Amino acid sequence: MKTQRLNNGLEMPRLGLGVWQSNNGQEAIYAIHWAFEAGYRHIDTARIYKNEEAVGKAIKQAELPRQDVWLTTKIWNDDIREGRTTAALEESLRRLQTDYVDLILLHWPVDGKAAAWQELERALEQGKVRSIGLSNFMEADIEEIIAAGNVVPAVNQIEYHPYLVQAEAIAASDEHDIAITAWSPLMQGKFLQEPLFAEIAKRYNKTPAQVVLRWCVQNDVIVIPKSVHQSRINENGQLFDFELQESDMVAIDQLERGQRFGPDPHNFDF
């Protein structure tokens, strides 16, 4: 599995399994085990996904050395607002049956984010997390966190795909060497409606999904496609045995249209 070096020196796998919408039982457990069999070593969950228990159980059952699995979770908005980031982290650790997570993110830029970041810095000092980062933070939000804390975020997880590149948020992240992780890199399935991906895939003897994910990876973006189907998990994992030519990268770049499939970090109400 290829990795990306973060600004704290840690190596984060460039491909992970997202478990958003996976149920908190065998569905998530099977998906994680299939991912491990396919070579994944990175699982991305969150308190609000309500499946941390299944994620913890799956990792325990897999009997992989804990240090071989990169585990990400997130602090939900209500916990940030209520000033209970530390308590929320402890609850996540219990559900995940682990002493630490490799990366914890503030899920959205809500009121209380600066104080929450300072709590994450303390958790980092205590060894409860190995990396701390952000999710859905735009330019001004990133600068607020930089000003409020002593630790530069390691990662910013944002919606990112060929229809939505979010150049301003990426530029603000790049300025501080903050790695980008893409959620919904496959456009919540809408990639199938774009003929260019099938056209390019045919030339490489790959699938449209692999082309989209490879485009992300070649743009130095970490991807966490979600699936509960073994064939899809296997397919999404086969990204590192080919490389898109520059002309194909440019053709995909030109699809950008500022189209979101998820909530807008500039305007949300949860």
Protein backbone atom coordinates (compact mmCIF):
# COMPACT_ATOMS: atom_id res chain seq x y z
CA MET A 1 0.00 0.00 0.00
CA LYS A 2 1.37 3.41 -1.00
CA THR A 3 1.62 6.03 1.72
CA GLN A 4 1.82 9.81 1.93
CA ARG A 5 4.16 11.50 4.39
CA LEU A 6 2.29 13.97 6.58
CA ASN A 7 3.72 17.19 8.00
CA ASN A 8 4.29 15.37 11.32
CA GLY A 9 6.47 12.75 9.64
CA LEU A 10 3.93 9.90 9.80
CA GLU A 11 3.14 7.82 6.73
CA MET A 12 -0.61 7.71 6.00
CA PRO A 13 -1.94 5.13 3.51
CA ARG A 14 -3.13 6.86 0.36
CA LEU A 15 -6.14 4.55 0.08
CA GLY A 16 -8.61 3.84 2.83
CA LEU A 17 -12.04 2.30 3.28
CA GLY A 18 -14.76 4.75 4.23
CA VAL A 19 -17.56 3.27 6.35
CA TRP A 20 -20.14 6.06 6.17
CA GLN A 21 -23.61 4.45 5.95
CA SER A 22 -22.25 0.98 6.81
CA ASN A 23 -24.37 -0.54 9.56
CA ASN A 24 -22.92 -1.17 12.99
CA GLY A 25 -22.72 -4.93 12.61
CA GLN A 26 -21.64 -7.61 10.17
CA GLU A 27 -22.00 -5.36 7.14
CA ALA A 28 -19.20 -3.08 8.34
CA ILE A 29 -17.17 -5.98 9.73
CA TYR A 30 -17.27 -7.92 6.45
CA ALA A 31 -16.38 -4.80 4.46
CA ILE A 32 -13.35 -4.09 6.64
CA HIS A 33 -12.16 -7.70 6.48
CA TRP A 34 -12.50 -7.68 2.67
CA ALA A 35 -10.55 -4.43 2.59
CA PHE A 36 -7.76 -5.91 4.67
CA GLU A 37 -7.65 -8.96 2.38
CA ALA A 38 -7.34 -6.58 -0.59
CA GLY A 39 -4.37 -4.82 1.01
CA TYR A 40 -6.04 -1.78 2.57
CA ARG A 41 -4.58 -0.67 5.88
CA HIS A 42 -6.63 2.48 6.47
CA ILE A 43 -10.18 2.71 7.88
CA ASP A 44 -12.09 5.98 8.13
CA THR A 45 -15.05 6.24 10.52
CA ALA A 46 -16.71 8.88 12.73
CA ARG A 47 -18.86 9.06 15.83
CA ILE A 48 -21.82 10.28 13.77
CA TYR A 49 -21.61 7.20 11.50
CA LYS A 50 -22.68 5.14 14.53
CA ASN A 51 -20.49 2.18 13.61
CA GLU A 52 -17.32 2.65 15.66
CA GLU A 53 -18.13 -0.51 17.65
CA ALA A 54 -18.17 -2.60 14.47
CA VAL A 55 -14.96 -0.99 13.26
CA GLY A 56 -13.23 -1.82 16.53
CA LYS A 57 -14.52 -5.38 16.46
CA ALA A 58 -13.42 -5.87 12.85
CA ILE A 59 -9.89 -4.68 13.58
CA LYS A 60 -9.68 -6.96 16.65
CA GLN A 61 -10.95 -9.96 14.71
CA ALA A 62 -8.54 -9.37 11.84
CA GLU A 63 -5.61 -9.90 14.21
CA LEU A 64 -3.41 -7.47 12.32
CA PRO A 65 -0.83 -5.67 14.45
CA ARG A 66 -2.52 -2.47 15.61
CA GLN A 67 0.38 -0.41 14.28
CA ASP A 68 -0.30 -1.76 10.79
CA VAL A 69 -3.79 -0.24 10.63
CA TRP A 70 -4.34 3.50 10.16
CA LEU A 71 -7.53 4.38 12.01
CA THR A 72 -9.29 7.72 11.59
CA THR A 73 -12.33 8.97 13.48
CA LYS A 74 -13.94 12.38 13.99
CA ILE A 75 -15.39 14.63 16.69
CA TRP A 76 -18.99 15.47 15.89
CA ASN A 77 -20.39 18.99 15.79
CA ASP A 78 -22.50 18.80 18.96
CA ASP A 79 -19.48 17.68 20.96
CA ILE A 80 -17.42 20.55 19.53
CA ARG A 81 -20.11 23.10 20.37
CA GLU A 82 -20.61 21.73 23.88
CA GLY A 83 -16.90 21.75 24.73
CA ARG A 84 -16.72 18.00 25.22
CA THR A 85 -14.09 17.08 22.64
CA THR A 86 -11.95 15.24 25.20
CA ALA A 87 -14.93 13.25 26.49
CA ALA A 88 -16.03 12.44 22.95
CA LEU A 89 -12.56 11.14 22.10
CA GLU A 90 -12.57 8.90 25.17
CA GLU A 91 -15.96 7.53 24.14
CA SER A 92 -14.71 6.84 20.63
CA LEU A 93 -11.65 5.03 21.97
CA ARG A 94 -13.89 2.79 24.08
CA ARG A 95 -16.17 2.01 21.15
CA LEU A 96 -13.17 1.32 18.91
CA GLN A 97 -11.51 -0.86 21.59
CA THR A 98 -8.17 0.86 21.15
CA ASP A 99 -5.81 3.00 23.22
CA TYR A 100 -5.25 5.50 20.42
CA VAL A 101 -6.34 6.54 16.96
CA ASP A 102 -3.92 7.46 14.21
CA LEU A 103 -5.89 10.52 13.16
CA ILE A 104 -8.77 12.44 14.68
CA LEU A 105 -10.56 15.22 12.86
CA LEU A 106 -12.90 18.04 13.83
CA HIS A 107 -15.80 17.00 11.61
CA TRP A 108 -17.15 20.44 10.60
CA PRO A 109 -16.10 24.05 11.32
CA VAL A 110 -18.72 24.86 13.98
CA ASP A 111 -18.65 27.26 16.92
CA GLY A 112 -16.14 26.13 19.51
CA LYS A 113 -13.70 24.76 16.96
CA ALA A 114 -10.69 26.70 18.30
CA ALA A 115 -11.17 25.41 21.85
CA ALA A 116 -11.81 21.91 20.49
CA TRP A 117 -8.54 22.08 18.58
CA GLN A 118 -6.68 22.92 21.77
CA GLU A 119 -8.24 19.83 23.37
CA LEU A 120 -6.99 17.72 20.46
CA GLU A 121 -3.50 19.14 20.97
CA ARG A 122 -3.62 17.92 24.57
CA ALA A 123 -4.77 14.49 23.42
CA LEU A 124 -1.81 14.42 21.02
CA GLU A 125 0.57 15.19 23.89
CA GLN A 126 -1.01 12.38 25.94
CA GLY A 127 -0.57 9.81 23.15
CA LYS A 128 -4.29 9.21 22.66
CA VAL A 129 -3.96 10.29 19.02
CA ARG A 130 -1.00 10.23 16.66
CA SER A 131 -2.23 12.99 14.34
CA ILE A 132 -4.86 15.71 14.53
CA GLY A 133 -6.65 17.31 11.63
CA LEU A 134 -9.70 18.92 10.14
CA SER A 135 -12.67 17.96 7.99
CA ASN A 136 -14.62 20.33 5.75
CA PHE A 137 -12.54 23.34 6.81
CA MET A 138 -12.28 26.13 4.26
CA GLU A 139 -9.69 28.90 4.01
CA ALA A 140 -10.77 31.18 6.87
CA ASP A 141 -11.47 28.20 9.15
CA ILE A 142 -7.98 26.81 8.56
CA GLU A 143 -6.37 30.12 9.43
CA GLU A 144 -8.44 30.36 12.63
CA ILE A 145 -7.15 26.95 13.73
CA ILE A 146 -3.55 27.85 12.86
CA ALA A 147 -3.87 31.02 14.93
CA ALA A 148 -5.52 29.28 17.89
CA GLY A 149 -3.15 26.36 18.27
CA ASN A 150 0.46 25.27 18.41
CA VAL A 151 0.15 22.22 16.14
CA VAL A 152 -0.48 22.55 12.41
CA PRO A 153 -3.26 20.20 11.24
CA ALA A 154 -1.91 17.12 9.48
CA VAL A 155 -4.93 16.52 7.24
CA ASN A 156 -7.97 18.32 5.87
CA GLN A 157 -10.69 15.97 4.66
CA ILE A 158 -12.97 17.62 2.12
CA GLU A 159 -15.39 16.73 -0.64
CA TYR A 160 -13.17 16.34 -3.69
CA HIS A 161 -13.78 14.82 -7.10
CA PRO A 162 -13.56 15.81 -10.79
CA TYR A 163 -16.65 18.02 -10.54
CA LEU A 164 -15.43 19.77 -7.35
CA VAL A 165 -11.73 20.52 -6.89
CA GLN A 166 -12.07 23.21 -4.17
CA ALA A 167 -8.89 24.97 -5.29
CA GLU A 168 -9.05 27.67 -2.61
CA ALA A 169 -9.34 25.21 0.28
CA ILE A 170 -6.54 23.11 -1.19
CA ALA A 171 -4.30 26.17 -1.64
CA ALA A 172 -4.90 27.17 1.98
CA SER A 173 -4.06 23.63 3.07
CA ASP A 174 -0.98 23.44 0.84
CA GLU A 175 0.34 26.67 2.38
CA HIS A 176 0.70 24.81 5.67
CA ASP A 177 1.64 21.40 4.18
CA ILE A 178 -1.73 19.96 5.23
CA ALA A 179 -2.54 16.75 3.33
CA ILE A 180 -5.90 16.47 1.57
CA THR A 181 -8.22 13.49 1.93
CA ALA A 182 -11.16 13.22 -0.45
CA TRP A 183 -14.57 12.17 0.76
CA SER A 184 -17.07 11.18 -1.94
CA PRO A 185 -14.23 10.85 -4.48
CA LEU A 186 -16.61 8.79 -6.64
CA MET A 187 -19.22 11.55 -6.62
CA GLN A 188 -21.71 9.41 -4.68
CA GLY A 189 -21.95 7.12 -7.70
CA LYS A 190 -22.52 9.91 -10.25
CA PHE A 191 -19.16 9.19 -11.90
CA LEU A 192 -20.99 6.54 -13.91
CA GLN A 193 -22.90 9.29 -15.71
CA GLU A 194 -19.72 10.90 -17.06
CA PRO A 195 -18.68 9.23 -20.36
CA LEU A 196 -15.10 10.51 -20.21
CA PHE A 197 -14.21 8.12 -17.39
CA ALA A 198 -15.36 5.07 -19.37
CA GLU A 199 -13.50 6.31 -22.44
CA ILE A 200 -10.24 6.71 -20.53
CA ALA A 201 -10.73 3.44 -18.60
CA LYS A 202 -10.99 1.46 -21.82
CA ARG A 203 -7.53 2.59 -22.94
CA TYR A 204 -5.94 1.43 -19.68
CA ASN A 205 -7.98 -1.76 -19.33
CA LYS A 206 -9.29 -0.33 -16.06
CA THR A 207 -12.72 0.64 -14.74
CA PRO A 208 -14.18 4.16 -14.59
CA ALA A 209 -14.01 4.09 -10.78
CA GLN A 210 -10.32 3.21 -10.88
CA VAL A 211 -9.67 6.08 -13.29
CA VAL A 212 -11.39 8.61 -11.00
CA LEU A 213 -9.58 7.36 -7.90
CA ARG A 214 -6.26 7.26 -9.73
CA TRP A 215 -6.79 10.88 -10.83
CA CYS A 216 -7.21 11.81 -7.16
CA VAL A 217 -4.10 9.91 -6.11
CA GLN A 218 -2.00 11.48 -8.86
CA ASN A 219 -3.13 14.87 -7.56
CA ASP A 220 -1.62 13.91 -4.17
CA VAL A 221 -5.05 13.42 -2.63
CA ILE A 222 -5.72 10.53 -0.25
CA VAL A 223 -8.94 8.65 -1.09
CA ILE A 224 -11.41 6.83 1.16
CA PRO A 225 -14.07 5.37 -1.17
CA LYS A 226 -16.88 3.66 0.70
CA SER A 227 -18.38 0.29 -0.20
CA VAL A 228 -19.82 -2.77 1.50
CA HIS A 229 -19.43 -4.98 -1.60
CA GLN A 230 -16.35 -7.17 -1.88
CA SER A 231 -16.01 -6.76 -5.64
CA ARG A 232 -16.13 -2.96 -5.37
CA ILE A 233 -13.67 -2.91 -2.48
CA ASN A 234 -11.27 -5.03 -4.53
CA GLU A 235 -11.79 -2.85 -7.61
CA ASN A 236 -11.21 0.39 -5.71
CA GLY A 237 -8.00 -1.02 -4.28
CA GLN A 238 -6.32 -1.58 -7.64
CA LEU A 239 -4.93 1.92 -8.13
CA PHE A 240 -1.19 1.54 -7.91
CA ASP A 241 -0.35 -0.59 -10.95
CA PHE A 242 -1.03 2.09 -13.57
CA GLU A 243 -0.58 5.81 -14.11
CA LEU A 244 -2.74 8.22 -16.07
CA GLN A 245 -1.00 10.17 -18.82
CA GLU A 246 -0.86 13.94 -18.47
CA SER A 247 -3.36 14.42 -21.30
CA ASP A 248 -5.92 12.30 -19.46
CA MET A 249 -5.26 14.12 -16.20
CA VAL A 250 -5.89 17.44 -17.96
CA ALA A 251 -9.07 16.16 -19.62
CA ILE A 252 -10.43 15.15 -16.22
CA ASP A 253 -9.32 18.46 -14.69
CA GLN A 254 -11.48 20.25 -17.24
CA LEU A 255 -14.64 18.62 -15.85
CA GLU A 256 -14.52 20.87 -12.77
CA ARG A 257 -17.82 22.72 -12.33
CA GLY A 258 -18.05 23.49 -8.62
CA GLN A 259 -20.75 20.86 -8.16
CA ARG A 260 -21.25 19.52 -4.65
CA PHE A 261 -22.95 16.24 -3.79
CA GLY A 262 -22.66 16.88 -0.05
CA PRO A 263 -23.26 19.85 2.27
CA ASP A 264 -21.50 23.15 1.69
CA PRO A 265 -19.04 23.99 4.51
CA HIS A 266 -19.81 27.67 3.93
CA ASN A 267 -23.50 27.14 4.64
CA PHE A 268 -24.81 24.21 6.70
CA ASP A 269 -27.18 23.88 9.63
CA PHE A 270 -26.25 20.77 11.61
